[in-house]
Amino acid sequence: MEITYSVAISYGRDLGYIEYSAPEKKANVVLANEEGKRLTEEYLAAKHEMGIPHETLMDFTKELVDPLADEESFKLALTRLWNETQVHVDWSRPVDYVRKNPRY
């Protein structure tokens, strides 16, 4: 799988990451916590209606987002992951750190 984007995640005391392949339109969730992994995989497999901002903070339109369709949709869907699953996206945590330290 050619990884085009990866991001760290956490659930409970477990750290993990998600790898996304744009050419294959697939995501691989690596997380020791089975519940967190399942919730994330289910969330990424479904399409979601989201309010997408435009020109101003008051200018939103509802759009159907398929998280695996492309990299931008994947990143957009991740901004709502916490609200739906309680899985936290650790945007600033390096994935290489998480690979070496999978727990807090």
PDB file of N, CA and C in Angstrom:
ATOM      1  N   MET A   1       0.854  -1.178   0.000  1.00  0.00           N
ATOM      2  CA  MET A   1       0.000   0.000   0.000  1.00  0.00           C
ATOM      3  C   MET A   1       0.900   1.241   0.000  1.00  0.00           C
ATOM      4  N   GLU A   2       0.713   2.089  -0.988  1.00  0.00           N
ATOM      5  CA  GLU A   2       1.459   3.343  -1.068  1.00  0.00           C
ATOM      6  C   GLU A   2       0.814   4.364  -0.131  1.00  0.00           C
ATOM      7  N   ILE A   3       1.518   4.732   0.937  1.00  0.00           N
ATOM      8  CA  ILE A   3       0.992   5.665   1.937  1.00  0.00           C
ATOM      9  C   ILE A   3       1.175   7.094   1.434  1.00  0.00           C
ATOM     10  N   THR A   4       0.073   7.828   1.319  1.00  0.00           N
ATOM     11  CA  THR A   4       0.167   9.223   0.888  1.00  0.00           C
ATOM     12  C   THR A   4      -0.032  10.194   2.048  1.00  0.00           C
ATOM     13  N   TYR A   5      -0.603   9.692   3.160  1.00  0.00           N
ATOM     14  CA  TYR A   5      -0.812  10.551   4.324  1.00  0.00           C
ATOM     15  C   TYR A   5      -0.923   9.662   5.560  1.00  0.00           C
ATOM     16  N   SER A   6      -0.346  10.103   6.658  1.00  0.00           N
ATOM     17  CA  SER A   6      -0.506   9.375   7.922  1.00  0.00           C
ATOM     18  C   SER A   6      -0.635  10.393   9.043  1.00  0.00           C
ATOM     19  N   VAL A   7      -1.367   9.977  10.078  1.00  0.00           N
ATOM     20  CA  VAL A   7      -1.612  10.868  11.207  1.00  0.00           C
ATOM     21  C   VAL A   7      -1.737  10.025  12.471  1.00  0.00           C
ATOM     22  N   ALA A   8      -1.255  10.579  13.578  1.00  0.00           N
ATOM     23  CA  ALA A   8      -1.336   9.886  14.862  1.00  0.00           C
ATOM     24  C   ALA A   8      -2.735  10.018  15.448  1.00  0.00           C
ATOM     25  N   ILE A   9      -3.153   8.992  16.191  1.00  0.00           N
ATOM     26  CA  ILE A   9      -4.436   9.013  16.893  1.00  0.00           C
ATOM     27  C   ILE A   9      -4.224   8.467  18.299  1.00  0.00           C
ATOM     28  N   SER A  10      -5.217   8.690  19.158  1.00  0.00           N
ATOM     29  CA  SER A  10      -5.172   8.091  20.485  1.00  0.00           C
ATOM     30  C   SER A  10      -6.594   7.784  20.942  1.00  0.00           C
ATOM     31  N   TYR A  11      -6.676   6.748  21.773  1.00  0.00           N
ATOM     32  CA  TYR A  11      -7.959   6.344  22.353  1.00  0.00           C
ATOM     33  C   TYR A  11      -7.635   5.743  23.709  1.00  0.00           C
ATOM     34  N   GLY A  12      -8.176   6.340  24.747  1.00  0.00           N
ATOM     35  CA  GLY A  12      -7.825   5.901  26.091  1.00  0.00           C
ATOM     36  C   GLY A  12      -6.351   6.158  26.327  1.00  0.00           C
ATOM     37  N   ARG A  13      -5.631   5.143  26.751  1.00  0.00           N
ATOM     38  CA  ARG A  13      -4.190   5.276  27.003  1.00  0.00           C
ATOM     39  C   ARG A  13      -3.343   4.736  25.852  1.00  0.00           C
ATOM     40  N   ASP A  14      -4.002   4.412  24.751  1.00  0.00           N
ATOM     41  CA  ASP A  14      -3.298   3.834  23.603  1.00  0.00           C
ATOM     42  C   ASP A  14      -3.079   4.861  22.502  1.00  0.00           C
ATOM     43  N   LEU A  15      -1.861   4.855  21.984  1.00  0.00           N
ATOM     44  CA  LEU A  15      -1.525   5.688  20.832  1.00  0.00           C
ATOM     45  C   LEU A  15      -1.503   4.804  19.594  1.00  0.00           C
ATOM     46  N   GLY A  16      -1.830   5.385  18.458  1.00  0.00           N
ATOM     47  CA  GLY A  16      -1.801   4.655  17.206  1.00  0.00           C
ATOM     48  C   GLY A  16      -1.708   5.635  16.054  1.00  0.00           C
ATOM     49  N   TYR A  17      -2.020   5.157  14.875  1.00  0.00           N
ATOM     50  CA  TYR A  17      -1.971   6.026  13.704  1.00  0.00           C
ATOM     51  C   TYR A  17      -2.850   5.450  12.607  1.00  0.00           C
ATOM     52  N   ILE A  18      -3.144   6.306  11.655  1.00  0.00           N
ATOM     53  CA  ILE A  18      -3.904   5.907  10.474  1.00  0.00           C
ATOM     54  C   ILE A  18      -3.030   6.214   9.269  1.00  0.00           C
ATOM     55  N   GLU A  19      -2.901   5.242   8.386  1.00  0.00           N
ATOM     56  CA  GLU A  19      -2.196   5.423   7.131  1.00  0.00           C
ATOM     57  C   GLU A  19      -3.239   5.434   6.018  1.00  0.00           C
ATOM     58  N   TYR A  20      -3.116   6.411   5.116  1.00  0.00           N
ATOM     59  CA  TYR A  20      -4.074   6.516   4.011  1.00  0.00           C
ATOM     60  C   TYR A  20      -3.346   6.394   2.680  1.00  0.00           C
ATOM     61  N   SER A  21      -3.906   5.632   1.777  1.00  0.00           N
ATOM     62  CA  SER A  21      -3.385   5.485   0.421  1.00  0.00           C
ATOM     63  C   SER A  21      -4.397   6.061  -0.555  1.00  0.00           C
ATOM     64  N   ALA A  22      -4.053   7.196  -1.153  1.00  0.00           N
ATOM     65  CA  ALA A  22      -4.953   7.822  -2.123  1.00  0.00           C
ATOM     66  C   ALA A  22      -5.141   6.965  -3.380  1.00  0.00           C
ATOM     67  N   PRO A  23      -4.055   6.372  -3.938  1.00  0.00           N
ATOM     68  CA  PRO A  23      -4.260   5.553  -5.140  1.00  0.00           C
ATOM     69  C   PRO A  23      -5.212   4.372  -4.906  1.00  0.00           C
ATOM     70  N   GLU A  24      -5.136   3.775  -3.723  1.00  0.00           N
ATOM     71  CA  GLU A  24      -5.974   2.618  -3.419  1.00  0.00           C
ATOM     72  C   GLU A  24      -7.275   2.975  -2.721  1.00  0.00           C
ATOM     73  N   LYS A  25      -7.385   4.237  -2.262  1.00  0.00           N
ATOM     74  CA  LYS A  25      -8.565   4.694  -1.520  1.00  0.00           C
ATOM     75  C   LYS A  25      -8.845   3.799  -0.312  1.00  0.00           C
ATOM     76  N   LYS A  26      -7.754   3.545   0.446  1.00  0.00           N
ATOM     77  CA  LYS A  26      -7.850   2.681   1.623  1.00  0.00           C
ATOM     78  C   LYS A  26      -7.132   3.318   2.797  1.00  0.00           C
ATOM     79  N   ALA A  27      -7.600   2.970   3.980  1.00  0.00           N
ATOM     80  CA  ALA A  27      -6.947   3.421   5.209  1.00  0.00           C
ATOM     81  C   ALA A  27      -6.630   2.201   6.063  1.00  0.00           C
ATOM     82  N   ASN A  28      -5.486   2.261   6.720  1.00  0.00           N
ATOM     83  CA  ASN A  28      -5.073   1.222   7.642  1.00  0.00           C
ATOM     84  C   ASN A  28      -4.983   1.852   9.032  1.00  0.00           C
ATOM     85  N   VAL A  29      -5.791   1.344   9.964  1.00  0.00           N
ATOM     86  CA  VAL A  29      -5.811   1.859  11.332  1.00  0.00           C
ATOM     87  C   VAL A  29      -4.949   0.947  12.197  1.00  0.00           C
ATOM     88  N   VAL A  30      -3.929   1.524  12.832  1.00  0.00           N
ATOM     89  CA  VAL A  30      -3.039   0.777  13.722  1.00  0.00           C
ATOM     90  C   VAL A  30      -3.259   1.333  15.127  1.00  0.00           C
ATOM     91  N   LEU A  31      -3.930   0.557  15.963  1.00  0.00           N
ATOM     92  CA  LEU A  31      -4.266   0.973  17.323  1.00  0.00           C
ATOM     93  C   LEU A  31      -4.489  -0.281  18.156  1.00  0.00           C
ATOM     94  N   ALA A  32      -3.792  -0.386  19.276  1.00  0.00           N
ATOM     95  CA  ALA A  32      -3.903  -1.575  20.124  1.00  0.00           C
ATOM     96  C   ALA A  32      -5.289  -1.720  20.733  1.00  0.00           C
ATOM     97  N   ASN A  33      -5.962  -0.628  20.992  1.00  0.00           N
ATOM     98  CA  ASN A  33      -7.293  -0.659  21.592  1.00  0.00           C
ATOM     99  C   ASN A  33      -8.302  -1.100  20.531  1.00  0.00           C
ATOM    100  N   GLU A  34      -8.852  -2.288  20.683  1.00  0.00           N
ATOM    101  CA  GLU A  34      -9.758  -2.855  19.681  1.00  0.00           C
ATOM    102  C   GLU A  34     -11.018  -2.015  19.475  1.00  0.00           C
ATOM    103  N   GLU A  35     -11.569  -1.479  20.556  1.00  0.00           N
ATOM    104  CA  GLU A  35     -12.777  -0.663  20.420  1.00  0.00           C
ATOM    105  C   GLU A  35     -12.479   0.595  19.613  1.00  0.00           C
ATOM    106  N   GLY A  36     -11.396   1.286  19.953  1.00  0.00           N
ATOM    107  CA  GLY A  36     -11.013   2.492  19.223  1.00  0.00           C
ATOM    108  C   GLY A  36     -10.728   2.208  17.762  1.00  0.00           C
ATOM    109  N   LYS A  37     -10.069   1.088  17.497  1.00  0.00           N
ATOM    110  CA  LYS A  37      -9.774   0.695  16.119  1.00  0.00           C
ATOM    111  C   LYS A  37     -11.060   0.429  15.354  1.00  0.00           C
ATOM    112  N   ARG A  38     -11.970  -0.323  15.969  1.00  0.00           N
ATOM    113  CA  ARG A  38     -13.252  -0.642  15.321  1.00  0.00           C
ATOM    114  C   ARG A  38     -14.049   0.621  15.021  1.00  0.00           C
ATOM    115  N   LEU A  39     -14.144   1.526  16.013  1.00  0.00           N
ATOM    116  CA  LEU A  39     -14.890   2.772  15.824  1.00  0.00           C
ATOM    117  C   LEU A  39     -14.310   3.600  14.686  1.00  0.00           C
ATOM    118  N   THR A  40     -12.990   3.662  14.628  1.00  0.00           N
ATOM    119  CA  THR A  40     -12.331   4.434  13.576  1.00  0.00           C
ATOM    120  C   THR A  40     -12.570   3.810  12.207  1.00  0.00           C
ATOM    121  N   GLU A  41     -12.428   2.502  12.109  1.00  0.00           N
ATOM    122  CA  GLU A  41     -12.645   1.822  10.827  1.00  0.00           C
ATOM    123  C   GLU A  41     -14.086   1.981  10.359  1.00  0.00           C
ATOM    124  N   GLU A  42     -15.040   1.865  11.269  1.00  0.00           N
ATOM    125  CA  GLU A  42     -16.448   2.042  10.898  1.00  0.00           C
ATOM    126  C   GLU A  42     -16.716   3.465  10.432  1.00  0.00           C
ATOM    127  N   TYR A  43     -16.141   4.438  11.147  1.00  0.00           N
ATOM    128  CA  TYR A  43     -16.327   5.841  10.786  1.00  0.00           C
ATOM    129  C   TYR A  43     -15.761   6.111   9.388  1.00  0.00           C
ATOM    130  N   LEU A  44     -14.565   5.623   9.117  1.00  0.00           N
ATOM    131  CA  LEU A  44     -13.927   5.880   7.823  1.00  0.00           C
ATOM    132  C   LEU A  44     -14.615   5.149   6.673  1.00  0.00           C
ATOM    133  N   ALA A  45     -15.311   4.073   6.958  1.00  0.00           N
ATOM    134  CA  ALA A  45     -15.991   3.296   5.918  1.00  0.00           C
ATOM    135  C   ALA A  45     -17.326   3.901   5.500  1.00  0.00           C
ATOM    136  N   ALA A  46     -17.854   4.830   6.279  1.00  0.00           N
ATOM    137  CA  ALA A  46     -19.172   5.406   6.003  1.00  0.00           C
ATOM    138  C   ALA A  46     -19.052   6.818   5.435  1.00  0.00           C
ATOM    139  N   LYS A  47     -20.064   7.218   4.683  1.00  0.00           N
ATOM    140  CA  LYS A  47     -20.144   8.593   4.193  1.00  0.00           C
ATOM    141  C   LYS A  47     -20.835   9.431   5.272  1.00  0.00           C
ATOM    142  N   HIS A  48     -20.462  10.720   5.344  1.00  0.00           N
ATOM    143  CA  HIS A  48     -20.985  11.599   6.391  1.00  0.00           C
ATOM    144  C   HIS A  48     -21.421  12.929   5.796  1.00  0.00           C
ATOM    145  N   GLU A  49     -22.589  13.405   6.226  1.00  0.00           N
ATOM    146  CA  GLU A  49     -23.024  14.741   5.829  1.00  0.00           C
ATOM    147  C   GLU A  49     -22.383  15.739   6.787  1.00  0.00           C
ATOM    148  N   MET A  50     -21.652  16.701   6.231  1.00  0.00           N
ATOM    149  CA  MET A  50     -20.919  17.670   7.048  1.00  0.00           C
ATOM    150  C   MET A  50     -21.203  19.081   6.570  1.00  0.00           C
ATOM    151  N   GLY A  51     -21.211  20.004   7.522  1.00  0.00           N
ATOM    152  CA  GLY A  51     -21.270  21.417   7.187  1.00  0.00           C
ATOM    153  C   GLY A  51     -19.877  21.873   6.790  1.00  0.00           C
ATOM    154  N   ILE A  52     -19.717  22.290   5.538  1.00  0.00           N
ATOM    155  CA  ILE A  52     -18.413  22.694   5.018  1.00  0.00           C
ATOM    156  C   ILE A  52     -18.360  24.213   4.949  1.00  0.00           C
ATOM    157  N   PRO A  53     -17.347  24.839   5.599  1.00  0.00           N
ATOM    158  CA  PRO A  53     -17.248  26.304   5.574  1.00  0.00           C
ATOM    159  C   PRO A  53     -16.729  26.806   4.224  1.00  0.00           C
ATOM    160  N   HIS A  54     -17.126  28.052   3.910  1.00  0.00           N
ATOM    161  CA  HIS A  54     -16.699  28.654   2.647  1.00  0.00           C
ATOM    162  C   HIS A  54     -16.088  30.034   2.913  1.00  0.00           C
ATOM    163  N   GLU A  55     -16.720  31.083   2.447  1.00  0.00           N
ATOM    164  CA  GLU A  55     -16.157  32.432   2.520  1.00  0.00           C
ATOM    165  C   GLU A  55     -16.047  32.984   3.944  1.00  0.00           C
ATOM    166  N   THR A  56     -17.052  32.752   4.776  1.00  0.00           N
ATOM    167  CA  THR A  56     -17.051  33.289   6.137  1.00  0.00           C
ATOM    168  C   THR A  56     -17.389  32.173   7.122  1.00  0.00           C
ATOM    169  N   LEU A  57     -17.310  32.486   8.398  1.00  0.00           N
ATOM    170  CA  LEU A  57     -17.668  31.501   9.424  1.00  0.00           C
ATOM    171  C   LEU A  57     -19.160  31.205   9.448  1.00  0.00           C
ATOM    172  N   MET A  58     -19.948  32.018   8.773  1.00  0.00           N
ATOM    173  CA  MET A  58     -21.395  31.811   8.724  1.00  0.00           C
ATOM    174  C   MET A  58     -21.836  31.189   7.396  1.00  0.00           C
ATOM    175  N   ASP A  59     -20.902  30.942   6.500  1.00  0.00           N
ATOM    176  CA  ASP A  59     -21.197  30.450   5.163  1.00  0.00           C
ATOM    177  C   ASP A  59     -20.874  28.962   5.072  1.00  0.00           C
ATOM    178  N   PHE A  60     -21.851  28.121   5.398  1.00  0.00           N
ATOM    179  CA  PHE A  60     -21.680  26.666   5.370  1.00  0.00           C
ATOM    180  C   PHE A  60     -22.674  26.048   4.403  1.00  0.00           C
ATOM    181  N   THR A  61     -22.258  24.967   3.784  1.00  0.00           N
ATOM    182  CA  THR A  61     -23.194  24.155   3.011  1.00  0.00           C
ATOM    183  C   THR A  61     -23.042  22.708   3.474  1.00  0.00           C
ATOM    184  N   LYS A  62     -24.124  21.980   3.435  1.00  0.00           N
ATOM    185  CA  LYS A  62     -24.091  20.556   3.779  1.00  0.00           C
ATOM    186  C   LYS A  62     -23.605  19.779   2.563  1.00  0.00           C
ATOM    187  N   GLU A  63     -22.599  18.949   2.784  1.00  0.00           N
ATOM    188  CA  GLU A  63     -22.066  18.129   1.710  1.00  0.00           C
ATOM    189  C   GLU A  63     -21.851  16.713   2.231  1.00  0.00           C
ATOM    190  N   LEU A  64     -22.013  15.747   1.353  1.00  0.00           N
ATOM    191  CA  LEU A  64     -21.778  14.355   1.699  1.00  0.00           C
ATOM    192  C   LEU A  64     -20.302  14.056   1.436  1.00  0.00           C
ATOM    193  N   VAL A  65     -19.598  13.613   2.481  1.00  0.00           N
ATOM    194  CA  VAL A  65     -18.159  13.368   2.383  1.00  0.00           C
ATOM    195  C   VAL A  65     -17.884  11.878   2.531  1.00  0.00           C
ATOM    196  N   ASP A  66     -17.167  11.342   1.571  1.00  0.00           N
ATOM    197  CA  ASP A  66     -16.693   9.959   1.632  1.00  0.00           C
ATOM    198  C   ASP A  66     -15.234  10.027   2.088  1.00  0.00           C
ATOM    199  N   PRO A  67     -14.932   9.634   3.336  1.00  0.00           N
ATOM    200  CA  PRO A  67     -13.581   9.783   3.872  1.00  0.00           C
ATOM    201  C   PRO A  67     -12.470   9.144   3.047  1.00  0.00           C
ATOM    202  N   LEU A  68     -12.779   8.092   2.308  1.00  0.00           N
ATOM    203  CA  LEU A  68     -11.742   7.389   1.565  1.00  0.00           C
ATOM    204  C   LEU A  68     -11.660   7.795   0.098  1.00  0.00           C
ATOM    205  N   ALA A  69     -12.461   8.757  -0.320  1.00  0.00           N
ATOM    206  CA  ALA A  69     -12.511   9.151  -1.735  1.00  0.00           C
ATOM    207  C   ALA A  69     -11.209   9.772  -2.223  1.00  0.00           C
ATOM    208  N   ASP A  70     -10.598  10.620  -1.406  1.00  0.00           N
ATOM    209  CA  ASP A  70      -9.348  11.284  -1.767  1.00  0.00           C
ATOM    210  C   ASP A  70      -8.728  11.850  -0.490  1.00  0.00           C
ATOM    211  N   GLU A  71      -7.512  12.349  -0.606  1.00  0.00           N
ATOM    212  CA  GLU A  71      -6.792  12.802   0.585  1.00  0.00           C
ATOM    213  C   GLU A  71      -7.481  13.978   1.278  1.00  0.00           C
ATOM    214  N   GLU A  72      -8.017  14.919   0.522  1.00  0.00           N
ATOM    215  CA  GLU A  72      -8.688  16.068   1.138  1.00  0.00           C
ATOM    216  C   GLU A  72      -9.947  15.636   1.891  1.00  0.00           C
ATOM    217  N   SER A  73     -10.708  14.725   1.325  1.00  0.00           N
ATOM    218  CA  SER A  73     -11.900  14.210   2.012  1.00  0.00           C
ATOM    219  C   SER A  73     -11.502  13.449   3.268  1.00  0.00           C
ATOM    220  N   PHE A  74     -10.406  12.699   3.181  1.00  0.00           N
ATOM    221  CA  PHE A  74      -9.901  11.965   4.337  1.00  0.00           C
ATOM    222  C   PHE A  74      -9.553  12.927   5.472  1.00  0.00           C
ATOM    223  N   LYS A  75      -8.800  13.968   5.163  1.00  0.00           N
ATOM    224  CA  LYS A  75      -8.406  14.954   6.172  1.00  0.00           C
ATOM    225  C   LYS A  75      -9.630  15.667   6.741  1.00  0.00           C
ATOM    226  N   LEU A  76     -10.572  16.022   5.883  1.00  0.00           N
ATOM    227  CA  LEU A  76     -11.793  16.685   6.347  1.00  0.00           C
ATOM    228  C   LEU A  76     -12.571  15.781   7.294  1.00  0.00           C
ATOM    229  N   ALA A  77     -12.720  14.521   6.951  1.00  0.00           N
ATOM    230  CA  ALA A  77     -13.437  13.577   7.810  1.00  0.00           C
ATOM    231  C   ALA A  77     -12.746  13.432   9.159  1.00  0.00           C
ATOM    232  N   LEU A  78     -11.423  13.466   9.172  1.00  0.00           N
ATOM    233  CA  LEU A  78     -10.692  13.346  10.437  1.00  0.00           C
ATOM    234  C   LEU A  78     -10.993  14.492  11.393  1.00  0.00           C
ATOM    235  N   THR A  79     -11.375  15.648  10.872  1.00  0.00           N
ATOM    236  CA  THR A  79     -11.695  16.777  11.755  1.00  0.00           C
ATOM    237  C   THR A  79     -12.949  16.511  12.583  1.00  0.00           C
ATOM    238  N   ARG A  80     -13.753  15.537  12.180  1.00  0.00           N
ATOM    239  CA  ARG A  80     -14.987  15.195  12.898  1.00  0.00           C
ATOM    240  C   ARG A  80     -14.886  13.860  13.636  1.00  0.00           C
ATOM    241  N   LEU A  81     -13.736  13.199  13.540  1.00  0.00           N
ATOM    242  CA  LEU A  81     -13.582  11.865  14.132  1.00  0.00           C
ATOM    243  C   LEU A  81     -13.863  11.851  15.628  1.00  0.00           C
ATOM    244  N   TRP A  82     -13.345  12.805  16.370  1.00  0.00           N
ATOM    245  CA  TRP A  82     -13.529  12.860  17.813  1.00  0.00           C
ATOM    246  C   TRP A  82     -15.013  12.937  18.176  1.00  0.00           C
ATOM    247  N   ASN A  83     -15.755  13.791  17.486  1.00  0.00           N
ATOM    248  CA  ASN A  83     -17.178  13.978  17.801  1.00  0.00           C
ATOM    249  C   ASN A  83     -17.976  12.689  17.650  1.00  0.00           C
ATOM    250  N   GLU A  84     -17.583  11.867  16.702  1.00  0.00           N
ATOM    251  CA  GLU A  84     -18.338  10.650  16.405  1.00  0.00           C
ATOM    252  C   GLU A  84     -17.852   9.418  17.162  1.00  0.00           C
ATOM    253  N   THR A  85     -16.569   9.388  17.559  1.00  0.00           N
ATOM    254  CA  THR A  85     -15.996   8.153  18.086  1.00  0.00           C
ATOM    255  C   THR A  85     -15.228   8.291  19.398  1.00  0.00           C
ATOM    256  N   GLN A  86     -14.902   9.520  19.777  1.00  0.00           N
ATOM    257  CA  GLN A  86     -14.025   9.786  20.920  1.00  0.00           C
ATOM    258  C   GLN A  86     -12.590   9.336  20.660  1.00  0.00           C
ATOM    259  N   VAL A  87     -12.250   9.070  19.397  1.00  0.00           N
ATOM    260  CA  VAL A  87     -10.866   8.809  19.002  1.00  0.00           C
ATOM    261  C   VAL A  87     -10.262  10.158  18.652  1.00  0.00           C
ATOM    262  N   HIS A  88      -9.151  10.487  19.298  1.00  0.00           N
ATOM    263  CA  HIS A  88      -8.523  11.796  19.129  1.00  0.00           C
ATOM    264  C   HIS A  88      -7.477  11.754  18.021  1.00  0.00           C
ATOM    265  N   VAL A  89      -7.530  12.721  17.122  1.00  0.00           N
ATOM    266  CA  VAL A  89      -6.499  12.862  16.096  1.00  0.00           C
ATOM    267  C   VAL A  89      -5.413  13.754  16.671  1.00  0.00           C
ATOM    268  N   ASP A  90      -4.214  13.213  16.784  1.00  0.00           N
ATOM    269  CA  ASP A  90      -3.061  13.953  17.326  1.00  0.00           C
ATOM    270  C   ASP A  90      -2.296  14.585  16.173  1.00  0.00           C
ATOM    271  N   TRP A  91      -2.853  15.664  15.632  1.00  0.00           N
ATOM    272  CA  TRP A  91      -2.321  16.291  14.421  1.00  0.00           C
ATOM    273  C   TRP A  91      -0.829  16.614  14.535  1.00  0.00           C
ATOM    274  N   SER A  92      -0.382  17.038  15.708  1.00  0.00           N
ATOM    275  CA  SER A  92       1.003  17.493  15.836  1.00  0.00           C
ATOM    276  C   SER A  92       1.963  16.413  16.348  1.00  0.00           C
ATOM    277  N   ARG A  93       1.460  15.248  16.721  1.00  0.00           N
ATOM    278  CA  ARG A  93       2.333  14.187  17.227  1.00  0.00           C
ATOM    279  C   ARG A  93       2.933  13.425  16.035  1.00  0.00           C
ATOM    280  N   PRO A  94       4.246  13.322  15.966  1.00  0.00           N
ATOM    281  CA  PRO A  94       4.867  12.587  14.852  1.00  0.00           C
ATOM    282  C   PRO A  94       4.503  11.094  14.873  1.00  0.00           C
ATOM    283  N   VAL A  95       4.140  10.567  13.733  1.00  0.00           N
ATOM    284  CA  VAL A  95       3.771   9.157  13.630  1.00  0.00           C
ATOM    285  C   VAL A  95       4.962   8.261  13.990  1.00  0.00           C
ATOM    286  N   ASP A  96       6.165   8.670  13.657  1.00  0.00           N
ATOM    287  CA  ASP A  96       7.344   7.873  14.017  1.00  0.00           C
ATOM    288  C   ASP A  96       7.470   7.726  15.530  1.00  0.00           C
ATOM    289  N   TYR A  97       7.109   8.769  16.279  1.00  0.00           N
ATOM    290  CA  TYR A  97       7.126   8.693  17.748  1.00  0.00           C
ATOM    291  C   TYR A  97       6.123   7.642  18.226  1.00  0.00           C
ATOM    292  N   VAL A  98       4.952   7.651  17.644  1.00  0.00           N
ATOM    293  CA  VAL A  98       3.888   6.725  18.042  1.00  0.00           C
ATOM    294  C   VAL A  98       4.280   5.277  17.742  1.00  0.00           C
ATOM    295  N   ARG A  99       4.949   5.063  16.641  1.00  0.00           N
ATOM    296  CA  ARG A  99       5.400   3.701  16.309  1.00  0.00           C
ATOM    297  C   ARG A  99       6.338   3.153  17.385  1.00  0.00           C
ATOM    298  N   LYS A 100       7.148   4.018  17.973  1.00  0.00           N
ATOM    299  CA  LYS A 100       8.097   3.604  19.009  1.00  0.00           C
ATOM    300  C   LYS A 100       7.482   3.588  20.402  1.00  0.00           C
ATOM    301  N   ASN A 101       6.443   4.409  20.622  1.00  0.00           N
ATOM    302  CA  ASN A 101       5.821   4.569  21.955  1.00  0.00           C
ATOM    303  C   ASN A 101       4.304   4.457  21.822  1.00  0.00           C
ATOM    304  N   PRO A 102       3.768   3.255  21.759  1.00  0.00           N
ATOM    305  CA  PRO A 102       2.333   3.083  21.515  1.00  0.00           C
ATOM    306  C   PRO A 102       1.412   3.299  22.720  1.00  0.00           C
ATOM    307  N   ARG A 103       1.962   3.712  23.864  1.00  0.00           N
ATOM    308  CA  ARG A 103       1.123   3.991  25.047  1.00  0.00           C
ATOM    309  C   ARG A 103       1.621   5.239  25.737  1.00  0.00           C
ATOM    310  N   TYR A 104       0.698   5.923  26.417  1.00  0.00           N
ATOM    311  CA  TYR A 104       1.079   7.105  27.210  1.00  0.00           C
ATOM    312  C   TYR A 104       1.919   6.670  28.391  1.00  0.00           C
TER     313      TYR A 104
END
